[in-house]
Amino acid sequence: MKTSVIVITRNADLYIQDLLDSLIGQVKQPHEVIVTDAESIDDTQQIVKRYAKRYKFIKLYRDAGTRAQGRNYGVLKATGDIVAFIDADAMANAFWIQEIERSCTRADVVAGQEIRFGFGGFSRLPRVAMLHKGVDITYPSVNLAYKKKVFEEIKGFDPWFKEAEELDLNYRAVDAGYSLIFNEKAIVYHRAREDLPSFIKQSFWYGFGRKELTLKHGDLWLKYLPVDMVKIDKEESMWKLVRLFFGFFGYIFCKFFGHKAETKEKLRRSQASER
């Protein structure tokens, strides 16, 4: 199997070099690394160009669309059997590609382990799991891989989403009967939010995205594990409640202001195209 790594960027010059170095240093080299840049105004494109000049499997494209559109465009350009997504502010463990390809021999979708680093209170928070047909669909696109034919068959990321487009993708994959497994050895190291304002902003959009999922797929509350949402142990601290508070605010904001009437027609057409 051949793996195409898809990265979307916008003003990521502080991080992109670390990511590219981690992909170059893989035990099993990726077939290609496709960087789709959304019109960065910093040195992101120049850095990627320097790497692309030296390493022919690194390729730079430009697409000024949403995150979903940028990833879809990257997949469109990909020639591998597997498309693996990673964020620009992350770094891959040296065995990442090898583990993804090993897992793709027995599953259609592979989620890897995300190890966050940074301020302790932010970095230790676990995801709020959501189960669909008994499968956790909340694995993020910082460490997620699809067989390309599966990605294409379910029509890729839905550009209607402002947030949670990867959860929607996983939901549709599981709903269509494809297998999704977790491989704890496929490790990606990801920077946590570094200050309180950015953590609050992230929490707000976290809740916003969860509401978007309900707008598209209906009431999903029964798919959550309510106790896990509010339970606090000695490893998690009060930051979990802070995230829950601002996430709920984002959820309510999306409900009343996030999607105007004209976007409902776009959503209807999006759902029809997936059938």
C-alpha atoms as a PDB file:
ATOM      1  CA  MET A   1       0.000   0.000   0.000  1.00  0.00           C
ATOM      2  CA  LYS A   2       1.039   3.580  -0.660  1.00  0.00           C
ATOM      3  CA  THR A   3       0.156   6.405   1.719  1.00  0.00           C
ATOM      4  CA  SER A   4      -0.471  10.007   0.708  1.00  0.00           C
ATOM      5  CA  VAL A   5      -0.228  12.388   3.658  1.00  0.00           C
ATOM      6  CA  ILE A   6      -2.603  15.349   3.466  1.00  0.00           C
ATOM      7  CA  VAL A   7      -1.800  18.573   5.347  1.00  0.00           C
ATOM      8  CA  ILE A   8      -3.756  21.819   5.243  1.00  0.00           C
ATOM      9  CA  THR A   9      -2.009  25.020   6.257  1.00  0.00           C
ATOM     10  CA  ARG A  10      -2.642  28.680   6.871  1.00  0.00           C
ATOM     11  CA  ASN A  11       0.044  30.854   8.470  1.00  0.00           C
ATOM     12  CA  ALA A  12       1.823  27.849   9.963  1.00  0.00           C
ATOM     13  CA  ASP A  13       5.443  28.937   9.539  1.00  0.00           C
ATOM     14  CA  LEU A  14       6.139  28.394  13.265  1.00  0.00           C
ATOM     15  CA  TYR A  15       5.255  24.700  13.028  1.00  0.00           C
ATOM     16  CA  ILE A  16       5.386  23.360   9.471  1.00  0.00           C
ATOM     17  CA  GLN A  17       9.107  22.641   9.464  1.00  0.00           C
ATOM     18  CA  ASP A  18       8.801  20.377  12.512  1.00  0.00           C
ATOM     19  CA  LEU A  19       5.982  18.460  10.826  1.00  0.00           C
ATOM     20  CA  LEU A  20       7.836  18.019   7.544  1.00  0.00           C
ATOM     21  CA  ASP A  21      10.977  16.867   9.350  1.00  0.00           C
ATOM     22  CA  SER A  22       8.917  14.227  11.185  1.00  0.00           C
ATOM     23  CA  LEU A  23       7.451  12.977   7.892  1.00  0.00           C
ATOM     24  CA  ILE A  24      10.832  12.855   6.184  1.00  0.00           C
ATOM     25  CA  GLY A  25      12.183  10.808   9.089  1.00  0.00           C
ATOM     26  CA  GLN A  26       9.573   8.049   8.865  1.00  0.00           C
ATOM     27  CA  VAL A  27      10.782   4.446   9.048  1.00  0.00           C
ATOM     28  CA  LYS A  28       8.443   3.788   6.115  1.00  0.00           C
ATOM     29  CA  GLN A  29       8.535   6.839   3.857  1.00  0.00           C
ATOM     30  CA  PRO A  30       5.150   8.159   2.696  1.00  0.00           C
ATOM     31  CA  HIS A  31       4.359   7.881  -0.991  1.00  0.00           C
ATOM     32  CA  GLU A  32       3.815  11.652  -1.020  1.00  0.00           C
ATOM     33  CA  VAL A  33       3.133  14.593   1.268  1.00  0.00           C
ATOM     34  CA  ILE A  34       0.537  16.966  -0.119  1.00  0.00           C
ATOM     35  CA  VAL A  35       0.361  20.405   1.503  1.00  0.00           C
ATOM     36  CA  THR A  36      -2.701  22.476   0.625  1.00  0.00           C
ATOM     37  CA  ASP A  37      -2.177  26.071   1.696  1.00  0.00           C
ATOM     38  CA  ALA A  38      -5.079  28.504   2.219  1.00  0.00           C
ATOM     39  CA  GLU A  39      -3.292  31.658   1.092  1.00  0.00           C
ATOM     40  CA  SER A  40      -0.845  32.063   3.973  1.00  0.00           C
ATOM     41  CA  ILE A  41       0.601  35.542   4.386  1.00  0.00           C
ATOM     42  CA  ASP A  42       3.597  34.389   6.424  1.00  0.00           C
ATOM     43  CA  ASP A  43       6.510  32.180   5.296  1.00  0.00           C
ATOM     44  CA  THR A  44       4.583  28.895   5.193  1.00  0.00           C
ATOM     45  CA  GLN A  45       4.629  28.521   1.413  1.00  0.00           C
ATOM     46  CA  GLN A  46       8.300  29.468   1.167  1.00  0.00           C
ATOM     47  CA  ILE A  47       9.250  26.846   3.755  1.00  0.00           C
ATOM     48  CA  VAL A  48       7.268  24.124   1.989  1.00  0.00           C
ATOM     49  CA  LYS A  49       8.781  25.114  -1.371  1.00  0.00           C
ATOM     50  CA  ARG A  50      12.288  24.691   0.051  1.00  0.00           C
ATOM     51  CA  TYR A  51      11.408  21.198   1.266  1.00  0.00           C
ATOM     52  CA  ALA A  52       9.687  20.327  -2.018  1.00  0.00           C
ATOM     53  CA  LYS A  53      12.793  21.328  -3.952  1.00  0.00           C
ATOM     54  CA  ARG A  54      14.885  18.921  -1.904  1.00  0.00           C
ATOM     55  CA  TYR A  55      12.340  16.094  -1.459  1.00  0.00           C
ATOM     56  CA  LYS A  56      10.347  15.303  -4.587  1.00  0.00           C
ATOM     57  CA  PHE A  57       7.575  13.516  -2.674  1.00  0.00           C
ATOM     58  CA  ILE A  58       6.593  16.797  -0.955  1.00  0.00           C
ATOM     59  CA  LYS A  59       4.137  18.834  -3.029  1.00  0.00           C
ATOM     60  CA  LEU A  60       2.571  22.245  -2.469  1.00  0.00           C
ATOM     61  CA  TYR A  61      -0.870  23.268  -3.721  1.00  0.00           C
ATOM     62  CA  ARG A  62      -3.020  26.297  -3.012  1.00  0.00           C
ATOM     63  CA  ASP A  63      -6.696  26.318  -2.168  1.00  0.00           C
ATOM     64  CA  ALA A  64      -8.347  29.186  -0.305  1.00  0.00           C
ATOM     65  CA  GLY A  65     -11.422  27.237   0.788  1.00  0.00           C
ATOM     66  CA  THR A  66     -12.489  25.853   4.144  1.00  0.00           C
ATOM     67  CA  ARG A  67     -10.628  23.131   6.011  1.00  0.00           C
ATOM     68  CA  ALA A  68     -12.923  20.526   4.482  1.00  0.00           C
ATOM     69  CA  GLN A  69     -12.374  21.900   0.988  1.00  0.00           C
ATOM     70  CA  GLY A  70      -8.616  22.029   1.509  1.00  0.00           C
ATOM     71  CA  ARG A  71      -8.459  18.392   2.577  1.00  0.00           C
ATOM     72  CA  ASN A  72     -10.771  17.315  -0.253  1.00  0.00           C
ATOM     73  CA  TYR A  73      -8.531  19.121  -2.710  1.00  0.00           C
ATOM     74  CA  GLY A  74      -5.492  17.374  -1.278  1.00  0.00           C
ATOM     75  CA  VAL A  75      -7.164  13.980  -1.680  1.00  0.00           C
ATOM     76  CA  LEU A  76      -8.097  14.888  -5.245  1.00  0.00           C
ATOM     77  CA  LYS A  77      -4.386  15.354  -5.978  1.00  0.00           C
ATOM     78  CA  ALA A  78      -3.331  12.227  -4.068  1.00  0.00           C
ATOM     79  CA  THR A  79      -2.184   9.099  -5.899  1.00  0.00           C
ATOM     80  CA  GLY A  80      -1.783   6.750  -2.916  1.00  0.00           C
ATOM     81  CA  ASP A  81      -4.084   3.936  -1.806  1.00  0.00           C
ATOM     82  CA  ILE A  82      -4.387   5.517   1.656  1.00  0.00           C
ATOM     83  CA  VAL A  83      -4.936   9.173   2.536  1.00  0.00           C
ATOM     84  CA  ALA A  84      -3.605  10.059   5.997  1.00  0.00           C
ATOM     85  CA  PHE A  85      -4.509  13.384   7.595  1.00  0.00           C
ATOM     86  CA  ILE A  86      -2.320  15.267  10.049  1.00  0.00           C
ATOM     87  CA  ASP A  87      -2.376  18.902  11.216  1.00  0.00           C
ATOM     88  CA  ALA A  88       0.325  21.445  10.499  1.00  0.00           C
ATOM     89  CA  ASP A  89       1.012  22.006  14.212  1.00  0.00           C
ATOM     90  CA  ALA A  90       1.644  18.316  14.895  1.00  0.00           C
ATOM     91  CA  MET A  91       4.558  15.898  14.514  1.00  0.00           C
ATOM     92  CA  ALA A  92       4.405  12.229  13.546  1.00  0.00           C
ATOM     93  CA  ASN A  93       6.126   9.454  15.420  1.00  0.00           C
ATOM     94  CA  ALA A  94       8.734   7.724  13.247  1.00  0.00           C
ATOM     95  CA  PHE A  95       6.543   4.604  12.950  1.00  0.00           C
ATOM     96  CA  TRP A  96       3.338   6.499  12.085  1.00  0.00           C
ATOM     97  CA  ILE A  97       3.127   5.578   8.391  1.00  0.00           C
ATOM     98  CA  GLN A  98       4.199   1.999   9.061  1.00  0.00           C
ATOM     99  CA  GLU A  99       1.467   1.549  11.683  1.00  0.00           C
ATOM    100  CA  ILE A 100      -1.212   3.147   9.522  1.00  0.00           C
ATOM    101  CA  GLU A 101      -0.433   0.863   6.598  1.00  0.00           C
ATOM    102  CA  ARG A 102      -0.353  -2.177   8.869  1.00  0.00           C
ATOM    103  CA  SER A 103      -3.798  -1.308  10.255  1.00  0.00           C
ATOM    104  CA  CYS A 104      -5.253  -0.571   6.827  1.00  0.00           C
ATOM    105  CA  THR A 105      -4.763  -4.225   5.892  1.00  0.00           C
ATOM    106  CA  ARG A 106      -7.635  -5.055   8.264  1.00  0.00           C
ATOM    107  CA  ALA A 107      -9.760  -1.881   8.388  1.00  0.00           C
ATOM    108  CA  ASP A 108     -11.121   0.849   6.124  1.00  0.00           C
ATOM    109  CA  VAL A 109     -10.465   3.734   8.519  1.00  0.00           C
ATOM    110  CA  VAL A 110      -7.648   4.039  11.052  1.00  0.00           C
ATOM    111  CA  ALA A 111      -7.469   6.515  13.913  1.00  0.00           C
ATOM    112  CA  GLY A 112      -4.177   6.914  15.725  1.00  0.00           C
ATOM    113  CA  GLN A 113      -3.196   8.084  19.181  1.00  0.00           C
ATOM    114  CA  GLU A 114      -2.930  11.845  19.714  1.00  0.00           C
ATOM    115  CA  ILE A 115      -0.453  12.820  22.429  1.00  0.00           C
ATOM    116  CA  ARG A 116      -0.834  16.488  23.267  1.00  0.00           C
ATOM    117  CA  PHE A 117       1.906  18.542  24.829  1.00  0.00           C
ATOM    118  CA  GLY A 118       2.003  22.061  26.205  1.00  0.00           C
ATOM    119  CA  PHE A 119       0.269  23.580  29.230  1.00  0.00           C
ATOM    120  CA  GLY A 120      -0.715  20.656  31.459  1.00  0.00           C
ATOM    121  CA  GLY A 121      -4.263  21.721  32.251  1.00  0.00           C
ATOM    122  CA  PHE A 122      -5.174  21.911  28.577  1.00  0.00           C
ATOM    123  CA  SER A 123      -3.187  18.997  27.250  1.00  0.00           C
ATOM    124  CA  ARG A 124      -4.570  16.336  29.617  1.00  0.00           C
ATOM    125  CA  LEU A 125      -8.231  16.770  28.692  1.00  0.00           C
ATOM    126  CA  PRO A 126      -9.752  13.722  26.978  1.00  0.00           C
ATOM    127  CA  ARG A 127     -12.157  13.856  24.051  1.00  0.00           C
ATOM    128  CA  VAL A 128     -15.894  13.699  24.714  1.00  0.00           C
ATOM    129  CA  ALA A 129     -16.699  10.417  22.982  1.00  0.00           C
ATOM    130  CA  MET A 130     -19.751   9.922  20.786  1.00  0.00           C
ATOM    131  CA  LEU A 131     -20.723   6.398  19.777  1.00  0.00           C
ATOM    132  CA  HIS A 132     -22.446   5.542  16.506  1.00  0.00           C
ATOM    133  CA  LYS A 133     -23.377   1.882  16.035  1.00  0.00           C
ATOM    134  CA  GLY A 134     -21.083   1.147  18.960  1.00  0.00           C
ATOM    135  CA  VAL A 135     -18.059   2.872  17.374  1.00  0.00           C
ATOM    136  CA  ASP A 136     -16.361   6.026  18.676  1.00  0.00           C
ATOM    137  CA  ILE A 137     -16.564   8.539  15.814  1.00  0.00           C
ATOM    138  CA  THR A 138     -14.851  11.463  17.554  1.00  0.00           C
ATOM    139  CA  TYR A 139     -11.303  10.757  16.409  1.00  0.00           C
ATOM    140  CA  PRO A 140      -9.969  14.037  14.970  1.00  0.00           C
ATOM    141  CA  SER A 141      -8.267  14.682  11.643  1.00  0.00           C
ATOM    142  CA  VAL A 142      -4.953  15.389  13.347  1.00  0.00           C
ATOM    143  CA  ASN A 143      -4.379  11.618  13.153  1.00  0.00           C
ATOM    144  CA  LEU A 144      -6.810   9.899  10.833  1.00  0.00           C
ATOM    145  CA  ALA A 145      -6.384   7.729   7.732  1.00  0.00           C
ATOM    146  CA  TYR A 146      -8.836   6.439   5.127  1.00  0.00           C
ATOM    147  CA  LYS A 147      -8.517   4.043   2.271  1.00  0.00           C
ATOM    148  CA  LYS A 148      -8.833   6.452  -0.617  1.00  0.00           C
ATOM    149  CA  LYS A 149     -11.608   4.491  -2.324  1.00  0.00           C
ATOM    150  CA  VAL A 150     -13.660   4.607   0.893  1.00  0.00           C
ATOM    151  CA  PHE A 151     -13.093   8.359   1.253  1.00  0.00           C
ATOM    152  CA  GLU A 152     -14.275   8.870  -2.309  1.00  0.00           C
ATOM    153  CA  GLU A 153     -17.283   6.583  -1.947  1.00  0.00           C
ATOM    154  CA  ILE A 154     -18.652   8.573   1.005  1.00  0.00           C
ATOM    155  CA  LYS A 155     -17.965  11.856  -0.846  1.00  0.00           C
ATOM    156  CA  GLY A 156     -15.178  13.120   1.399  1.00  0.00           C
ATOM    157  CA  PHE A 157     -15.434  15.956   3.897  1.00  0.00           C
ATOM    158  CA  ASP A 158     -18.640  17.986   3.812  1.00  0.00           C
ATOM    159  CA  PRO A 159     -17.710  21.664   3.192  1.00  0.00           C
ATOM    160  CA  TRP A 160     -20.967  22.759   4.828  1.00  0.00           C
ATOM    161  CA  PHE A 161     -19.311  22.302   8.221  1.00  0.00           C
ATOM    162  CA  LYS A 162     -17.439  25.096   9.940  1.00  0.00           C
ATOM    163  CA  GLU A 163     -16.276  22.616  12.587  1.00  0.00           C
ATOM    164  CA  ALA A 164     -16.508  18.861  13.257  1.00  0.00           C
ATOM    165  CA  GLU A 165     -16.187  17.916   9.599  1.00  0.00           C
ATOM    166  CA  GLU A 166     -14.054  14.917  10.549  1.00  0.00           C
ATOM    167  CA  LEU A 167     -16.670  13.651  13.009  1.00  0.00           C
ATOM    168  CA  ASP A 168     -19.258  13.866  10.249  1.00  0.00           C
ATOM    169  CA  LEU A 169     -16.910  11.961   7.936  1.00  0.00           C
ATOM    170  CA  ASN A 170     -16.413   9.213  10.521  1.00  0.00           C
ATOM    171  CA  TYR A 171     -20.160   9.087  11.204  1.00  0.00           C
ATOM    172  CA  ARG A 172     -20.914   8.548   7.516  1.00  0.00           C
ATOM    173  CA  ALA A 173     -18.171   5.945   7.140  1.00  0.00           C
ATOM    174  CA  VAL A 174     -19.504   3.885  10.051  1.00  0.00           C
ATOM    175  CA  ASP A 175     -23.083   4.434   8.893  1.00  0.00           C
ATOM    176  CA  ALA A 176     -22.142   3.043   5.463  1.00  0.00           C
ATOM    177  CA  GLY A 177     -20.774  -0.119   7.070  1.00  0.00           C
ATOM    178  CA  TYR A 178     -17.045   0.582   6.828  1.00  0.00           C
ATOM    179  CA  SER A 179     -14.757  -0.520   9.648  1.00  0.00           C
ATOM    180  CA  LEU A 180     -12.997   2.020  11.879  1.00  0.00           C
ATOM    181  CA  ILE A 181     -10.295   0.921  14.296  1.00  0.00           C
ATOM    182  CA  PHE A 182      -7.955   2.649  16.721  1.00  0.00           C
ATOM    183  CA  ASN A 183      -4.220   1.950  16.677  1.00  0.00           C
ATOM    184  CA  GLU A 184      -2.470   3.310  19.760  1.00  0.00           C
ATOM    185  CA  LYS A 185       0.921   2.764  18.105  1.00  0.00           C
ATOM    186  CA  ALA A 186       0.137   5.176  15.263  1.00  0.00           C
ATOM    187  CA  ILE A 187       1.201   8.181  17.311  1.00  0.00           C
ATOM    188  CA  VAL A 188       1.031  11.883  16.529  1.00  0.00           C
ATOM    189  CA  TYR A 189       2.304  14.568  18.924  1.00  0.00           C
ATOM    190  CA  HIS A 190       0.058  17.630  18.887  1.00  0.00           C
ATOM    191  CA  ARG A 191       0.474  21.058  20.452  1.00  0.00           C
ATOM    192  CA  ALA A 192      -2.203  21.946  22.989  1.00  0.00           C
ATOM    193  CA  ARG A 193      -3.573  25.487  23.273  1.00  0.00           C
ATOM    194  CA  GLU A 194      -0.981  27.669  24.927  1.00  0.00           C
ATOM    195  CA  ASP A 195      -3.083  30.288  26.741  1.00  0.00           C
ATOM    196  CA  LEU A 196      -6.535  30.771  28.234  1.00  0.00           C
ATOM    197  CA  PRO A 197      -8.065  32.865  25.391  1.00  0.00           C
ATOM    198  CA  SER A 198      -7.124  30.301  22.743  1.00  0.00           C
ATOM    199  CA  PHE A 199      -8.438  27.467  24.940  1.00  0.00           C
ATOM    200  CA  ILE A 200     -11.764  29.282  25.390  1.00  0.00           C
ATOM    201  CA  LYS A 201     -11.990  29.871  21.634  1.00  0.00           C
ATOM    202  CA  GLN A 202     -11.263  26.220  20.945  1.00  0.00           C
ATOM    203  CA  SER A 203     -13.908  25.136  23.483  1.00  0.00           C
ATOM    204  CA  PHE A 204     -16.507  27.424  21.898  1.00  0.00           C
ATOM    205  CA  TRP A 205     -15.932  25.971  18.427  1.00  0.00           C
ATOM    206  CA  TYR A 206     -15.859  22.490  19.925  1.00  0.00           C
ATOM    207  CA  GLY A 207     -19.454  22.957  21.047  1.00  0.00           C
ATOM    208  CA  PHE A 208     -20.383  24.731  17.822  1.00  0.00           C
ATOM    209  CA  GLY A 209     -19.279  21.703  15.819  1.00  0.00           C
ATOM    210  CA  ARG A 210     -21.231  19.271  17.987  1.00  0.00           C
ATOM    211  CA  LYS A 211     -24.394  21.261  17.281  1.00  0.00           C
ATOM    212  CA  GLU A 212     -23.641  21.189  13.554  1.00  0.00           C
ATOM    213  CA  LEU A 213     -23.659  17.403  13.780  1.00  0.00           C
ATOM    214  CA  THR A 214     -27.166  17.441  15.238  1.00  0.00           C
ATOM    215  CA  LEU A 215     -28.370  19.816  12.522  1.00  0.00           C
ATOM    216  CA  LYS A 216     -27.268  17.317   9.907  1.00  0.00           C
ATOM    217  CA  HIS A 217     -27.868  13.954  11.605  1.00  0.00           C
ATOM    218  CA  GLY A 218     -30.631  14.677  14.110  1.00  0.00           C
ATOM    219  CA  ASP A 219     -30.622  14.394  17.898  1.00  0.00           C
ATOM    220  CA  LEU A 220     -27.389  12.706  19.008  1.00  0.00           C
ATOM    221  CA  TRP A 221     -27.571  13.086  22.791  1.00  0.00           C
ATOM    222  CA  LEU A 222     -28.144   9.361  23.326  1.00  0.00           C
ATOM    223  CA  LYS A 223     -24.815   8.686  21.610  1.00  0.00           C
ATOM    224  CA  TYR A 224     -22.872  10.501  24.347  1.00  0.00           C
ATOM    225  CA  LEU A 225     -21.733   9.102  27.671  1.00  0.00           C
ATOM    226  CA  PRO A 226     -23.143  11.842  29.985  1.00  0.00           C
ATOM    227  CA  VAL A 227     -21.121  10.896  33.062  1.00  0.00           C
ATOM    228  CA  ASP A 228     -17.869  11.188  31.116  1.00  0.00           C
ATOM    229  CA  MET A 229     -18.792  14.735  30.082  1.00  0.00           C
ATOM    230  CA  VAL A 230     -18.770  16.102  33.638  1.00  0.00           C
ATOM    231  CA  LYS A 231     -16.760  13.583  35.681  1.00  0.00           C
ATOM    232  CA  ILE A 232     -13.524  15.076  36.978  1.00  0.00           C
ATOM    233  CA  ASP A 233     -10.679  13.019  38.347  1.00  0.00           C
ATOM    234  CA  LYS A 234      -7.345  14.058  39.784  1.00  0.00           C
ATOM    235  CA  GLU A 235      -5.719  14.017  36.335  1.00  0.00           C
ATOM    236  CA  GLU A 236      -8.147  16.401  34.656  1.00  0.00           C
ATOM    237  CA  SER A 237      -8.811  19.337  37.029  1.00  0.00           C
ATOM    238  CA  MET A 238     -11.397  22.064  36.538  1.00  0.00           C
ATOM    239  CA  TRP A 239     -10.371  22.701  32.928  1.00  0.00           C
ATOM    240  CA  LYS A 240     -12.896  20.094  31.881  1.00  0.00           C
ATOM    241  CA  LEU A 241     -15.733  22.187  33.302  1.00  0.00           C
ATOM    242  CA  VAL A 242     -14.318  25.299  31.654  1.00  0.00           C
ATOM    243  CA  ARG A 243     -14.373  23.501  28.304  1.00  0.00           C
ATOM    244  CA  LEU A 244     -17.891  22.236  28.949  1.00  0.00           C
ATOM    245  CA  PHE A 245     -19.159  25.728  29.826  1.00  0.00           C
ATOM    246  CA  PHE A 246     -17.789  27.472  26.745  1.00  0.00           C
ATOM    247  CA  GLY A 247     -18.582  24.468  24.567  1.00  0.00           C
ATOM    248  CA  PHE A 248     -22.224  24.702  25.653  1.00  0.00           C
ATOM    249  CA  PHE A 249     -22.174  28.405  24.746  1.00  0.00           C
ATOM    250  CA  GLY A 250     -20.864  27.494  21.282  1.00  0.00           C
ATOM    251  CA  TYR A 251     -23.567  24.833  20.962  1.00  0.00           C
ATOM    252  CA  ILE A 252     -26.314  27.361  21.752  1.00  0.00           C
ATOM    253  CA  PHE A 253     -24.769  30.000  19.490  1.00  0.00           C
ATOM    254  CA  CYS A 254     -24.775  27.570  16.560  1.00  0.00           C
ATOM    255  CA  LYS A 255     -28.382  26.631  17.281  1.00  0.00           C
ATOM    256  CA  PHE A 256     -29.666  30.205  17.047  1.00  0.00           C
ATOM    257  CA  PHE A 257     -27.108  32.079  14.940  1.00  0.00           C
ATOM    258  CA  GLY A 258     -24.646  29.645  13.389  1.00  0.00           C
ATOM    259  CA  HIS A 259     -26.489  28.656  10.240  1.00  0.00           C
ATOM    260  CA  LYS A 260     -28.880  30.994   8.498  1.00  0.00           C
ATOM    261  CA  ALA A 261     -31.884  29.832   6.493  1.00  0.00           C
ATOM    262  CA  GLU A 262     -30.033  29.684   3.196  1.00  0.00           C
ATOM    263  CA  THR A 263     -27.518  27.179   4.590  1.00  0.00           C
ATOM    264  CA  LYS A 264     -30.331  24.746   5.355  1.00  0.00           C
ATOM    265  CA  GLU A 265     -30.924  24.332   1.635  1.00  0.00           C
ATOM    266  CA  LYS A 266     -27.205  23.680   1.153  1.00  0.00           C
ATOM    267  CA  LEU A 267     -27.387  21.043   3.875  1.00  0.00           C
ATOM    268  CA  ARG A 268     -30.399  19.410   2.217  1.00  0.00           C
ATOM    269  CA  ARG A 269     -28.509  19.195  -1.082  1.00  0.00           C
ATOM    270  CA  SER A 270     -25.422  17.861   0.721  1.00  0.00           C
ATOM    271  CA  GLN A 271     -27.443  15.080   2.352  1.00  0.00           C
ATOM    272  CA  ALA A 272     -29.085  14.214  -0.957  1.00  0.00           C
ATOM    273  CA  SER A 273     -25.704  13.921  -2.715  1.00  0.00           C
ATOM    274  CA  GLU A 274     -24.462  11.443  -0.078  1.00  0.00           C
ATOM    275  CA  ARG A 275     -27.327   9.011  -0.665  1.00  0.00           C
END
